[in-house]
C-alpha cells in the first residue's frame, strides 16, 4: 500500500471513530422557548434508529462479494479466478498436424491473472 493510501485510510479510520463517538452520545434537545412546568409533556416519539454509513457500505460490499458473476458467453472463463484474459502458448508435446516440414501444435491457454492452464 502506498504512503498516500495509508494516510487516507488513517483519516477514514479517524472519521469513523469520531462518528461512532457522535452516535453514542445523544444530543440534548434544544428549545428556544422555556417550557412551563405545569404543561403536560408531549408524547415521546419512537426512538429513531441511526445506522452508521460505514455499516451500510460494509453491507453493500458484502452483497457485491456474495453475488456470483454470470459466465460470459462465447468467451473462456477461468474456473479459479473468473478472469477472461488468457495468453495462448503452443503445446510442443502435442503435434496436431505436419505439412511440408511445418508442424502445427496444439494450443495451451494460461490465465493472465492467476496462471491457471487449460
PDB file of N, CA and C in Angstrom:
ATOM      1  N   UNK A   1       0.845  -1.156   0.000  1.00  0.00           N
ATOM      2  CA  UNK A   1       0.000   0.000   0.000  1.00  0.00           C
ATOM      3  C   UNK A   1       0.905   1.237   0.000  1.00  0.00           C
ATOM      4  N   UNK A   2       0.570   2.221  -0.828  1.00  0.00           N
ATOM      5  CA  UNK A   2       1.402   3.410  -0.912  1.00  0.00           C
ATOM      6  C   UNK A   2       1.206   4.292   0.318  1.00  0.00           C
ATOM      7  N   UNK A   3       2.096   5.249   0.461  1.00  0.00           N
ATOM      8  CA  UNK A   3       2.039   6.147   1.609  1.00  0.00           C
ATOM      9  C   UNK A   3       0.747   6.973   1.581  1.00  0.00           C
ATOM     10  N   UNK A   4       0.349   7.405   0.390  1.00  0.00           N
ATOM     11  CA  UNK A   4      -0.873   8.187   0.240  1.00  0.00           C
ATOM     12  C   UNK A   4      -2.091   7.369   0.678  1.00  0.00           C
ATOM     13  N   UNK A   5      -2.160   6.101   0.243  1.00  0.00           N
ATOM     14  CA  UNK A   5      -3.286   5.241   0.613  1.00  0.00           C
ATOM     15  C   UNK A   5      -3.322   5.014   2.121  1.00  0.00           C
ATOM     16  N   UNK A   6      -2.158   4.883   2.741  1.00  0.00           N
ATOM     17  CA  UNK A   6      -2.110   4.697   4.187  1.00  0.00           C
ATOM     18  C   UNK A   6      -2.625   5.934   4.922  1.00  0.00           C
ATOM     19  N   UNK A   7      -2.264   7.134   4.420  1.00  0.00           N
ATOM     20  CA  UNK A   7      -2.746   8.370   5.038  1.00  0.00           C
ATOM     21  C   UNK A   7      -4.253   8.489   4.909  1.00  0.00           C
ATOM     22  N   UNK A   8      -4.771   8.165   3.727  1.00  0.00           N
ATOM     23  CA  UNK A   8      -6.215   8.242   3.506  1.00  0.00           C
ATOM     24  C   UNK A   8      -6.938   7.253   4.405  1.00  0.00           C
ATOM     25  N   UNK A   9      -6.406   6.034   4.524  1.00  0.00           N
ATOM     26  CA  UNK A   9      -7.012   5.025   5.387  1.00  0.00           C
ATOM     27  C   UNK A   9      -7.012   5.480   6.838  1.00  0.00           C
ATOM     28  N   UNK A  10      -5.929   6.094   7.294  1.00  0.00           N
ATOM     29  CA  UNK A  10      -5.853   6.595   8.671  1.00  0.00           C
ATOM     30  C   UNK A  10      -6.889   7.691   8.892  1.00  0.00           C
ATOM     31  N   UNK A  11      -7.028   8.611   7.932  1.00  0.00           N
ATOM     32  CA  UNK A  11      -8.022   9.676   8.058  1.00  0.00           C
ATOM     33  C   UNK A  11      -9.434   9.106   8.112  1.00  0.00           C
ATOM     34  N   UNK A  12      -9.712   8.108   7.283  1.00  0.00           N
ATOM     35  CA  UNK A  12     -11.039   7.493   7.287  1.00  0.00           C
ATOM     36  C   UNK A  12     -11.323   6.794   8.615  1.00  0.00           C
ATOM     37  N   UNK A  13     -10.313   6.136   9.170  1.00  0.00           N
ATOM     38  CA  UNK A  13     -10.496   5.483  10.469  1.00  0.00           C
ATOM     39  C   UNK A  13     -10.760   6.517  11.560  1.00  0.00           C
ATOM     40  N   UNK A  14     -10.059   7.669  11.509  1.00  0.00           N
ATOM     41  CA  UNK A  14     -10.297   8.736  12.485  1.00  0.00           C
ATOM     42  C   UNK A  14     -11.724   9.266  12.366  1.00  0.00           C
ATOM     43  N   UNK A  15     -12.170   9.471  11.134  1.00  0.00           N
ATOM     44  CA  UNK A  15     -13.526   9.958  10.910  1.00  0.00           C
ATOM     45  C   UNK A  15     -14.547   8.949  11.423  1.00  0.00           C
ATOM     46  N   UNK A  16     -14.300   7.674  11.171  1.00  0.00           N
ATOM     47  CA  UNK A  16     -15.202   6.619  11.631  1.00  0.00           C
ATOM     48  C   UNK A  16     -15.266   6.592  13.157  1.00  0.00           C
ATOM     49  N   UNK A  17     -14.117   6.782  13.829  1.00  0.00           N
ATOM     50  CA  UNK A  17     -14.103   6.817  15.286  1.00  0.00           C
ATOM     51  C   UNK A  17     -14.889   7.997  15.831  1.00  0.00           C
ATOM     52  N   UNK A  18     -14.717   9.161  15.203  1.00  0.00           N
ATOM     53  CA  UNK A  18     -15.462  10.345  15.637  1.00  0.00           C
ATOM     54  C   UNK A  18     -16.956  10.165  15.403  1.00  0.00           C
ATOM     55  N   UNK A  19     -17.312   9.522  14.296  1.00  0.00           N
ATOM     56  CA  UNK A  19     -18.724   9.263  14.009  1.00  0.00           C
ATOM     57  C   UNK A  19     -19.315   8.318  15.048  1.00  0.00           C
ATOM     58  N   UNK A  20     -18.557   7.295  15.427  1.00  0.00           N
ATOM     59  CA  UNK A  20     -19.016   6.386  16.483  1.00  0.00           C
ATOM     60  C   UNK A  20     -19.269   7.147  17.782  1.00  0.00           C
ATOM     61  N   UNK A  21     -18.343   8.048  18.125  1.00  0.00           N
ATOM     62  CA  UNK A  21     -18.466   8.816  19.350  1.00  0.00           C
ATOM     63  C   UNK A  21     -19.708   9.714  19.299  1.00  0.00           C
ATOM     64  N   UNK A  22     -19.969  10.320  18.146  1.00  0.00           N
ATOM     65  CA  UNK A  22     -21.142  11.180  17.999  1.00  0.00           C
ATOM     66  C   UNK A  22     -22.436  10.385  18.095  1.00  0.00           C
ATOM     67  N   UNK A  23     -22.448   9.190  17.525  1.00  0.00           N
ATOM     68  CA  UNK A  23     -23.657   8.378  17.545  1.00  0.00           C
ATOM     69  C   UNK A  23     -23.941   7.816  18.934  1.00  0.00           C
ATOM     70  N   UNK A  24     -22.895   7.610  19.729  1.00  0.00           N
ATOM     71  CA  UNK A  24     -23.098   7.076  21.079  1.00  0.00           C
ATOM     72  C   UNK A  24     -23.672   8.120  22.021  1.00  0.00           C
ATOM     73  N   UNK A  25     -23.283   9.366  21.860  1.00  0.00           N
ATOM     74  CA  UNK A  25     -23.800  10.423  22.723  1.00  0.00           C
ATOM     75  C   UNK A  25     -24.993  11.074  22.049  1.00  0.00           C
ATOM     76  N   UNK A  26     -26.129  11.046  22.733  1.00  0.00           N
ATOM     77  CA  UNK A  26     -27.333  11.658  22.182  1.00  0.00           C
ATOM     78  C   UNK A  26     -27.344  13.130  22.543  1.00  0.00           C
ATOM     79  N   UNK A  27     -27.566  14.014  21.578  1.00  0.00           N
ATOM     80  CA  UNK A  27     -27.588  15.438  21.886  1.00  0.00           C
ATOM     81  C   UNK A  27     -28.850  15.801  22.662  1.00  0.00           C
ATOM     82  N   UNK A  28     -28.718  16.771  23.550  1.00  0.00           N
ATOM     83  CA  UNK A  28     -29.863  17.252  24.326  1.00  0.00           C
ATOM     84  C   UNK A  28     -30.754  18.073  23.407  1.00  0.00           C
ATOM     85  N   UNK A  29     -32.086  17.963  23.556  1.00  0.00           N
ATOM     86  CA  UNK A  29     -32.969  18.738  22.686  1.00  0.00           C
ATOM     87  C   UNK A  29     -32.800  20.220  22.957  1.00  0.00           C
ATOM     88  N   UNK A  30     -32.725  20.994  21.904  1.00  0.00           N
ATOM     89  CA  UNK A  30     -32.534  22.435  22.015  1.00  0.00           C
ATOM     90  C   UNK A  30     -33.890  23.095  21.808  1.00  0.00           C
ATOM     91  N   UNK A  31     -34.284  23.919  22.766  1.00  0.00           N
ATOM     92  CA  UNK A  31     -35.548  24.630  22.616  1.00  0.00           C
ATOM     93  C   UNK A  31     -35.308  26.100  22.925  1.00  0.00           C
ATOM     94  N   UNK A  32     -35.900  26.973  22.112  1.00  0.00           N
ATOM     95  CA  UNK A  32     -35.693  28.407  22.295  1.00  0.00           C
ATOM     96  C   UNK A  32     -36.689  28.970  23.319  1.00  0.00           C
ATOM     97  N   UNK A  33     -37.845  28.374  23.419  1.00  0.00           N
ATOM     98  CA  UNK A  33     -38.855  28.879  24.355  1.00  0.00           C
ATOM     99  C   UNK A  33     -38.802  28.075  25.639  1.00  0.00           C
ATOM    100  N   UNK A  34     -38.938  28.733  26.804  1.00  0.00           N
ATOM    101  CA  UNK A  34     -38.944  27.980  28.066  1.00  0.00           C
ATOM    102  C   UNK A  34     -40.237  27.186  28.186  1.00  0.00           C
ATOM    103  N   UNK A  35     -40.135  25.987  28.693  1.00  0.00           N
ATOM    104  CA  UNK A  35     -41.316  25.129  28.849  1.00  0.00           C
ATOM    105  C   UNK A  35     -41.885  25.323  30.240  1.00  0.00           C
ATOM    106  N   UNK A  36     -43.173  25.575  30.329  1.00  0.00           N
ATOM    107  CA  UNK A  36     -43.783  25.721  31.654  1.00  0.00           C
ATOM    108  C   UNK A  36     -43.851  24.367  32.348  1.00  0.00           C
ATOM    109  N   UNK A  37     -43.661  24.374  33.646  1.00  0.00           N
ATOM    110  CA  UNK A  37     -43.634  23.128  34.399  1.00  0.00           C
ATOM    111  C   UNK A  37     -45.018  22.519  34.576  1.00  0.00           C
ATOM    112  N   UNK A  38     -46.066  23.325  34.484  1.00  0.00           N
ATOM    113  CA  UNK A  38     -47.420  22.819  34.680  1.00  0.00           C
ATOM    114  C   UNK A  38     -47.996  22.207  33.405  1.00  0.00           C
ATOM    115  N   UNK A  39     -47.407  22.483  32.254  1.00  0.00           N
ATOM    116  CA  UNK A  39     -47.938  21.962  30.987  1.00  0.00           C
ATOM    117  C   UNK A  39     -47.606  20.476  30.867  1.00  0.00           C
ATOM    118  N   UNK A  40     -48.540  19.712  30.307  1.00  0.00           N
ATOM    119  CA  UNK A  40     -48.248  18.275  30.137  1.00  0.00           C
ATOM    120  C   UNK A  40     -47.153  18.093  29.085  1.00  0.00           C
ATOM    121  N   UNK A  41     -46.332  17.108  29.334  1.00  0.00           N
ATOM    122  CA  UNK A  41     -45.237  16.863  28.391  1.00  0.00           C
ATOM    123  C   UNK A  41     -45.784  16.159  27.151  1.00  0.00           C
ATOM    124  N   UNK A  42     -45.207  16.443  25.989  1.00  0.00           N
ATOM    125  CA  UNK A  42     -45.690  15.791  24.772  1.00  0.00           C
ATOM    126  C   UNK A  42     -45.367  14.299  24.785  1.00  0.00           C
ATOM    127  N   UNK A  43     -46.104  13.563  24.000  1.00  0.00           N
ATOM    128  CA  UNK A  43     -45.904  12.116  23.919  1.00  0.00           C
ATOM    129  C   UNK A  43     -44.553  11.870  23.255  1.00  0.00           C
ATOM    130  N   UNK A  44     -43.720  11.069  23.901  1.00  0.00           N
ATOM    131  CA  UNK A  44     -42.394  10.828  23.299  1.00  0.00           C
ATOM    132  C   UNK A  44     -42.538  10.063  21.986  1.00  0.00           C
ATOM    133  N   UNK A  45     -41.762  10.506  21.008  1.00  0.00           N
ATOM    134  CA  UNK A  45     -41.788   9.827  19.702  1.00  0.00           C
ATOM    135  C   UNK A  45     -40.948   8.555  19.798  1.00  0.00           C
ATOM    136  N   UNK A  46     -41.219   7.600  18.941  1.00  0.00           N
ATOM    137  CA  UNK A  46     -40.417   6.371  18.981  1.00  0.00           C
ATOM    138  C   UNK A  46     -38.961   6.686  18.655  1.00  0.00           C
ATOM    139  N   UNK A  47     -38.088   5.936  19.247  1.00  0.00           N
ATOM    140  CA  UNK A  47     -36.658   6.175  19.065  1.00  0.00           C
ATOM    141  C   UNK A  47     -36.268   5.965  17.603  1.00  0.00           C
ATOM    142  N   UNK A  48     -35.524   6.910  17.083  1.00  0.00           N
ATOM    143  CA  UNK A  48     -35.064   6.829  15.706  1.00  0.00           C
ATOM    144  C   UNK A  48     -33.765   6.042  15.703  1.00  0.00           C
ATOM    145  N   UNK A  49     -33.718   4.996  14.913  1.00  0.00           N
ATOM    146  CA  UNK A  49     -32.503   4.202  14.849  1.00  0.00           C
ATOM    147  C   UNK A  49     -31.592   4.800  13.793  1.00  0.00           C
ATOM    148  N   UNK A  50     -30.360   5.016  14.173  1.00  0.00           N
ATOM    149  CA  UNK A  50     -29.383   5.552  13.232  1.00  0.00           C
ATOM    150  C   UNK A  50     -28.407   4.449  12.879  1.00  0.00           C
ATOM    151  N   UNK A  51     -28.124   4.367  11.612  1.00  0.00           N
ATOM    152  CA  UNK A  51     -27.192   3.361  11.126  1.00  0.00           C
ATOM    153  C   UNK A  51     -25.964   4.085  10.618  1.00  0.00           C
ATOM    154  N   UNK A  52     -24.809   3.611  11.032  1.00  0.00           N
ATOM    155  CA  UNK A  52     -23.568   4.233  10.594  1.00  0.00           C
ATOM    156  C   UNK A  52     -23.415   4.074   9.079  1.00  0.00           C
ATOM    157  N   UNK A  53     -22.937   5.098   8.403  1.00  0.00           N
ATOM    158  CA  UNK A  53     -22.703   4.979   6.961  1.00  0.00           C
ATOM    159  C   UNK A  53     -21.694   3.880   6.634  1.00  0.00           C
ATOM    160  N   UNK A  54     -20.698   3.692   7.506  1.00  0.00           N
ATOM    161  CA  UNK A  54     -19.705   2.653   7.234  1.00  0.00           C
ATOM    162  C   UNK A  54     -20.340   1.261   7.286  1.00  0.00           C
ATOM    163  N   UNK A  55     -21.343   1.081   8.148  1.00  0.00           N
ATOM    164  CA  UNK A  55     -22.021  -0.214   8.218  1.00  0.00           C
ATOM    165  C   UNK A  55     -22.816  -0.466   6.942  1.00  0.00           C
ATOM    166  N   UNK A  56     -23.409   0.588   6.393  1.00  0.00           N
ATOM    167  CA  UNK A  56     -24.155   0.443   5.139  1.00  0.00           C
ATOM    168  C   UNK A  56     -23.212   0.059   4.013  1.00  0.00           C
ATOM    169  N   UNK A  57     -22.059   0.730   3.959  1.00  0.00           N
ATOM    170  CA  UNK A  57     -21.073   0.434   2.919  1.00  0.00           C
ATOM    171  C   UNK A  57     -20.564  -0.991   3.058  1.00  0.00           C
ATOM    172  N   UNK A  58     -20.316  -1.428   4.293  1.00  0.00           N
ATOM    173  CA  UNK A  58     -19.840  -2.804   4.514  1.00  0.00           C
ATOM    174  C   UNK A  58     -20.878  -3.813   4.040  1.00  0.00           C
ATOM    175  N   UNK A  59     -22.170  -3.538   4.317  1.00  0.00           N
ATOM    176  CA  UNK A  59     -23.232  -4.435   3.858  1.00  0.00           C
ATOM    177  C   UNK A  59     -23.290  -4.491   2.338  1.00  0.00           C
ATOM    178  N   UNK A  60     -23.140  -3.327   1.686  1.00  0.00           N
ATOM    179  CA  UNK A  60     -23.172  -3.291   0.222  1.00  0.00           C
ATOM    180  C   UNK A  60     -21.994  -4.052  -0.373  1.00  0.00           C
ATOM    181  N   UNK A  61     -20.801  -3.886   0.218  1.00  0.00           N
ATOM    182  CA  UNK A  61     -19.627  -4.601  -0.281  1.00  0.00           C
ATOM    183  C   UNK A  61     -19.787  -6.107  -0.103  1.00  0.00           C
ATOM    184  N   UNK A  62     -20.350  -6.517   1.034  1.00  0.00           N
ATOM    185  CA  UNK A  62     -20.559  -7.947   1.269  1.00  0.00           C
ATOM    186  C   UNK A  62     -21.556  -8.520   0.268  1.00  0.00           C
ATOM    187  N   UNK A  63     -22.619  -7.764  -0.026  1.00  0.00           N
ATOM    188  CA  UNK A  63     -23.606  -8.219  -1.009  1.00  0.00           C
ATOM    189  C   UNK A  63     -22.974  -8.335  -2.391  1.00  0.00           C
ATOM    190  N   UNK A  64     -22.077  -7.412  -2.723  1.00  0.00           N
ATOM    191  CA  UNK A  64     -21.411  -7.469  -4.025  1.00  0.00           C
ATOM    192  C   UNK A  64     -20.477  -8.673  -4.103  1.00  0.00           C
ATOM    193  N   UNK A  65     -19.812  -9.001  -2.978  1.00  0.00           N
ATOM    194  CA  UNK A  65     -18.931 -10.173  -2.976  1.00  0.00           C
ATOM    195  C   UNK A  65     -19.730 -11.470  -3.091  1.00  0.00           C
ATOM    196  N   UNK A  66     -20.896 -11.507  -2.444  1.00  0.00           N
ATOM    197  CA  UNK A  66     -21.701 -12.716  -2.432  1.00  0.00           C
ATOM    198  C   UNK A  66     -22.377 -12.959  -3.789  1.00  0.00           C
ATOM    199  N   UNK A  67     -22.596 -11.874  -4.526  1.00  0.00           N
ATOM    200  CA  UNK A  67     -23.261 -12.009  -5.815  1.00  0.00           C
ATOM    201  C   UNK A  67     -22.315 -12.712  -6.792  1.00  0.00           C
ATOM    202  N   UNK A  68     -22.785 -13.796  -7.362  1.00  0.00           N
ATOM    203  CA  UNK A  68     -21.952 -14.524  -8.305  1.00  0.00           C
ATOM    204  C   UNK A  68     -22.025 -13.874  -9.663  1.00  0.00           C
ATOM    205  N   UNK A  69     -20.871 -13.807 -10.305  1.00  0.00           N
ATOM    206  CA  UNK A  69     -20.830 -13.223 -11.632  1.00  0.00           C
ATOM    207  C   UNK A  69     -21.317 -14.266 -12.635  1.00  0.00           C
ATOM    208  N   UNK A  70     -22.239 -13.883 -13.526  1.00  0.00           N
ATOM    209  CA  UNK A  70     -22.684 -14.843 -14.527  1.00  0.00           C
ATOM    210  C   UNK A  70     -21.568 -15.092 -15.542  1.00  0.00           C
ATOM    211  N   UNK A  71     -21.494 -16.283 -16.100  1.00  0.00           N
ATOM    212  CA  UNK A  71     -20.432 -16.557 -17.064  1.00  0.00           C
ATOM    213  C   UNK A  71     -20.615 -15.712 -18.325  1.00  0.00           C
ATOM    214  N   UNK A  72     -19.508 -15.291 -18.868  1.00  0.00           N
ATOM    215  CA  UNK A  72     -19.533 -14.503 -20.090  1.00  0.00           C
ATOM    216  C   UNK A  72     -19.689 -15.482 -21.248  1.00  0.00           C
ATOM    217  N   UNK A  73     -20.741 -15.302 -22.036  1.00  0.00           N
ATOM    218  CA  UNK A  73     -20.998 -16.249 -23.118  1.00  0.00           C
ATOM    219  C   UNK A  73     -20.034 -16.009 -24.268  1.00  0.00           C
ATOM    220  N   UNK A  74     -19.561 -17.099 -24.848  1.00  0.00           N
ATOM    221  CA  UNK A  74     -18.698 -17.008 -26.009  1.00  0.00           C
ATOM    222  C   UNK A  74     -17.237 -16.736 -25.681  1.00  0.00           C
ATOM    223  N   UNK A  75     -16.892 -16.680 -24.415  1.00  0.00           N
ATOM    224  CA  UNK A  75     -15.509 -16.440 -24.024  1.00  0.00           C
ATOM    225  C   UNK A  75     -15.072 -17.480 -23.023  1.00  0.00           C
ATOM    226  N   UNK A  76     -13.785 -17.690 -22.966  1.00  0.00           N
ATOM    227  CA  UNK A  76     -13.216 -18.581 -21.957  1.00  0.00           C
ATOM    228  C   UNK A  76     -13.278 -17.897 -20.603  1.00  0.00           C
ATOM    229  N   UNK A  77     -13.618 -18.650 -19.576  1.00  0.00           N
ATOM    230  CA  UNK A  77     -13.671 -18.115 -18.216  1.00  0.00           C
ATOM    231  C   UNK A  77     -12.810 -19.019 -17.340  1.00  0.00           C
ATOM    232  N   UNK A  78     -11.915 -18.410 -16.592  1.00  0.00           N
ATOM    233  CA  UNK A  78     -11.031 -19.167 -15.704  1.00  0.00           C
ATOM    234  C   UNK A  78     -11.849 -19.717 -14.532  1.00  0.00           C
ATOM    235  N   UNK A  79     -11.767 -21.032 -14.262  1.00  0.00           N
ATOM    236  CA  UNK A  79     -12.528 -21.605 -13.147  1.00  0.00           C
ATOM    237  C   UNK A  79     -11.964 -21.203 -11.778  1.00  0.00           C
ATOM    238  N   UNK A  80     -10.728 -20.736 -11.723  1.00  0.00           N
ATOM    239  CA  UNK A  80     -10.119 -20.364 -10.452  1.00  0.00           C
ATOM    240  C   UNK A  80     -10.482 -18.949 -10.026  1.00  0.00           C
ATOM    241  N   UNK A  81     -10.272 -17.973 -10.943  1.00  0.00           N
ATOM    242  CA  UNK A  81     -10.457 -16.571 -10.544  1.00  0.00           C
ATOM    243  C   UNK A  81     -11.594 -15.883 -11.296  1.00  0.00           C
ATOM    244  N   UNK A  82     -12.156 -16.524 -12.320  1.00  0.00           N
ATOM    245  CA  UNK A  82     -13.250 -15.919 -13.077  1.00  0.00           C
ATOM    246  C   UNK A  82     -12.780 -14.946 -14.137  1.00  0.00           C
ATOM    247  N   UNK A  83     -11.481 -14.852 -14.358  1.00  0.00           N
ATOM    248  CA  UNK A  83     -10.933 -13.935 -15.359  1.00  0.00           C
ATOM    249  C   UNK A  83     -11.204 -14.424 -16.774  1.00  0.00           C
ATOM    250  N   UNK A  84     -11.182 -13.493 -17.724  1.00  0.00           N
ATOM    251  CA  UNK A  84     -11.428 -13.855 -19.121  1.00  0.00           C
ATOM    252  C   UNK A  84     -10.240 -13.534 -20.010  1.00  0.00           C
ATOM    253  N   UNK A  85      -9.115 -13.125 -19.445  1.00  0.00           N
ATOM    254  CA  UNK A  85      -7.921 -12.800 -20.220  1.00  0.00           C
ATOM    255  C   UNK A  85      -6.968 -13.991 -20.181  1.00  0.00           C
ATOM    256  N   UNK A  86      -6.685 -14.532 -21.351  1.00  0.00           N
ATOM    257  CA  UNK A  86      -5.818 -15.703 -21.455  1.00  0.00           C
ATOM    258  C   UNK A  86      -4.690 -15.442 -22.436  1.00  0.00           C
ATOM    259  N   UNK A  87      -3.535 -15.999 -22.140  1.00  0.00           N
ATOM    260  CA  UNK A  87      -2.410 -15.974 -23.067  1.00  0.00           C
ATOM    261  C   UNK A  87      -2.390 -17.331 -23.763  1.00  0.00           C
ATOM    262  N   UNK A  88      -2.057 -17.334 -25.060  1.00  0.00           N
ATOM    263  CA  UNK A  88      -2.013 -18.583 -25.826  1.00  0.00           C
ATOM    264  C   UNK A  88      -0.564 -18.995 -26.040  1.00  0.00           C
ATOM    265  N   UNK A  89      -0.267 -20.236 -25.752  1.00  0.00           N
ATOM    266  CA  UNK A  89       1.072 -20.787 -25.955  1.00  0.00           C
ATOM    267  C   UNK A  89       0.929 -22.068 -26.762  1.00  0.00           C
ATOM    268  N   UNK A  90       1.984 -22.391 -27.514  1.00  0.00           N
ATOM    269  CA  UNK A  90       1.974 -23.656 -28.250  1.00  0.00           C
ATOM    270  C   UNK A  90       2.348 -24.780 -27.307  1.00  0.00           C
ATOM    271  N   UNK A  91       1.598 -25.885 -27.368  1.00  0.00           N
ATOM    272  CA  UNK A  91       1.897 -27.058 -26.565  1.00  0.00           C
ATOM    273  C   UNK A  91       2.777 -27.960 -27.415  1.00  0.00           C
ATOM    274  N   UNK A  92       4.079 -27.886 -27.215  1.00  0.00           N
ATOM    275  CA  UNK A  92       5.042 -28.624 -28.048  1.00  0.00           C
ATOM    276  C   UNK A  92       4.977 -30.139 -27.826  1.00  0.00           C
ATOM    277  N   UNK A  93       4.240 -30.587 -26.851  1.00  0.00           N
ATOM    278  CA  UNK A  93       4.097 -32.024 -26.599  1.00  0.00           C
ATOM    279  C   UNK A  93       3.027 -32.642 -27.493  1.00  0.00           C
ATOM    280  N   UNK A  94       2.144 -31.810 -28.078  1.00  0.00           N
ATOM    281  CA  UNK A  94       1.052 -32.317 -28.900  1.00  0.00           C
ATOM    282  C   UNK A  94       1.168 -31.769 -30.317  1.00  0.00           C
ATOM    283  N   UNK A  95       1.574 -32.598 -31.243  1.00  0.00           N
ATOM    284  CA  UNK A  95       1.624 -32.202 -32.652  1.00  0.00           C
ATOM    285  C   UNK A  95       0.294 -32.594 -33.271  1.00  0.00           C
ATOM    286  N   UNK A  96      -0.435 -31.613 -33.790  1.00  0.00           N
ATOM    287  CA  UNK A  96      -1.731 -31.882 -34.393  1.00  0.00           C
ATOM    288  C   UNK A  96      -1.590 -32.305 -35.851  1.00  0.00           C
ATOM    289  N   UNK A  97      -0.673 -31.632 -36.545  1.00  0.00           N
ATOM    290  CA  UNK A  97      -0.566 -31.883 -37.975  1.00  0.00           C
ATOM    291  C   UNK A  97       0.823 -31.462 -38.441  1.00  0.00           C
ATOM    292  N   UNK A  98       1.323 -32.155 -39.468  1.00  0.00           N
ATOM    293  CA  UNK A  98       2.605 -31.773 -40.042  1.00  0.00           C
ATOM    294  C   UNK A  98       2.436 -31.729 -41.549  1.00  0.00           C
ATOM    295  N   UNK A  99       2.748 -30.569 -42.126  1.00  0.00           N
ATOM    296  CA  UNK A  99       2.584 -30.416 -43.569  1.00  0.00           C
ATOM    297  C   UNK A  99       3.814 -29.717 -44.131  1.00  0.00           C
ATOM    298  N   UNK A 100       4.506 -30.368 -45.028  1.00  0.00           N
ATOM    299  CA  UNK A 100       5.687 -29.778 -45.672  1.00  0.00           C
ATOM    300  C   UNK A 100       6.784 -29.423 -44.689  1.00  0.00           C
ATOM    301  N   UNK A 101       6.970 -30.191 -43.670  1.00  0.00           N
ATOM    302  CA  UNK A 101       8.013 -29.927 -42.681  1.00  0.00           C
ATOM    303  C   UNK A 101       7.607 -28.937 -41.605  1.00  0.00           C
ATOM    304  N   UNK A 102       6.402 -28.361 -41.739  1.00  0.00           N
ATOM    305  CA  UNK A 102       5.923 -27.413 -40.736  1.00  0.00           C
ATOM    306  C   UNK A 102       4.970 -28.139 -39.799  1.00  0.00           C
ATOM    307  N   UNK A 103       5.268 -28.070 -38.524  1.00  0.00           N
ATOM    308  CA  UNK A 103       4.425 -28.748 -37.542  1.00  0.00           C
ATOM    309  C   UNK A 103       3.391 -27.772 -36.998  1.00  0.00           C
ATOM    310  N   UNK A 104       2.172 -28.246 -36.841  1.00  0.00           N
ATOM    311  CA  UNK A 104       1.094 -27.476 -36.224  1.00  0.00           C
ATOM    312  C   UNK A 104       0.878 -28.070 -34.832  1.00  0.00           C
ATOM    313  N   UNK A 105       1.060 -27.217 -33.806  1.00  0.00           N
ATOM    314  CA  UNK A 105       0.951 -27.681 -32.418  1.00  0.00           C
ATOM    315  C   UNK A 105      -0.396 -27.299 -31.825  1.00  0.00           C
ATOM    316  N   UNK A 106      -0.771 -28.037 -30.805  1.00  0.00           N
ATOM    317  CA  UNK A 106      -1.990 -27.706 -30.061  1.00  0.00           C
ATOM    318  C   UNK A 106      -1.735 -26.430 -29.259  1.00  0.00           C
ATOM    319  N   UNK A 107      -2.825 -25.737 -28.913  1.00  0.00           N
ATOM    320  CA  UNK A 107      -2.700 -24.504 -28.131  1.00  0.00           C
ATOM    321  C   UNK A 107      -2.964 -24.793 -26.663  1.00  0.00           C
ATOM    322  N   UNK A 108      -2.278 -24.038 -25.830  1.00  0.00           N
ATOM    323  CA  UNK A 108      -2.466 -24.129 -24.392  1.00  0.00           C
ATOM    324  C   UNK A 108      -2.824 -22.722 -23.916  1.00  0.00           C
ATOM    325  N   UNK A 109      -3.888 -22.611 -23.116  1.00  0.00           N
ATOM    326  CA  UNK A 109      -4.358 -21.315 -22.638  1.00  0.00           C
ATOM    327  C   UNK A 109      -3.962 -21.136 -21.177  1.00  0.00           C
ATOM    328  N   UNK A 110      -3.358 -19.984 -20.859  1.00  0.00           N
ATOM    329  CA  UNK A 110      -2.912 -19.695 -19.496  1.00  0.00           C
ATOM    330  C   UNK A 110      -3.586 -18.392 -19.054  1.00  0.00           C
ATOM    331  N   UNK A 111      -4.265 -18.446 -17.908  1.00  0.00           N
ATOM    332  CA  UNK A 111      -4.940 -17.272 -17.369  1.00  0.00           C
ATOM    333  C   UNK A 111      -3.906 -16.219 -16.994  1.00  0.00           C
ATOM    334  N   UNK A 112      -4.163 -14.972 -17.409  1.00  0.00           N
ATOM    335  CA  UNK A 112      -3.204 -13.890 -17.133  1.00  0.00           C
ATOM    336  C   UNK A 112      -3.266 -13.430 -15.679  1.00  0.00           C
ATOM    337  N   UNK A 113      -4.368 -13.702 -14.984  1.00  0.00           N
ATOM    338  CA  UNK A 113      -4.486 -13.263 -13.586  1.00  0.00           C
ATOM    339  C   UNK A 113      -3.827 -14.242 -12.637  1.00  0.00           C
ATOM    340  N   UNK A 114      -4.217 -15.517 -12.724  1.00  0.00           N
ATOM    341  CA  UNK A 114      -3.773 -16.469 -11.704  1.00  0.00           C
ATOM    342  C   UNK A 114      -2.809 -17.540 -12.229  1.00  0.00           C
ATOM    343  N   UNK A 115      -2.668 -17.653 -13.558  1.00  0.00           N
ATOM    344  CA  UNK A 115      -1.732 -18.631 -14.111  1.00  0.00           C
ATOM    345  C   UNK A 115      -2.316 -20.015 -14.320  1.00  0.00           C
ATOM    346  N   UNK A 116      -3.614 -20.186 -14.164  1.00  0.00           N
ATOM    347  CA  UNK A 116      -4.248 -21.481 -14.370  1.00  0.00           C
ATOM    348  C   UNK A 116      -4.135 -21.870 -15.842  1.00  0.00           C
ATOM    349  N   UNK A 117      -3.826 -23.136 -16.125  1.00  0.00           N
ATOM    350  CA  UNK A 117      -3.646 -23.599 -17.501  1.00  0.00           C
ATOM    351  C   UNK A 117      -4.799 -24.487 -17.942  1.00  0.00           C
ATOM    352  N   UNK A 118      -5.224 -24.290 -19.183  1.00  0.00           N
ATOM    353  CA  UNK A 118      -6.265 -25.129 -19.771  1.00  0.00           C
ATOM    354  C   UNK A 118      -5.744 -25.784 -21.019  1.00  0.00           C
TER     355      UNK A 118
END
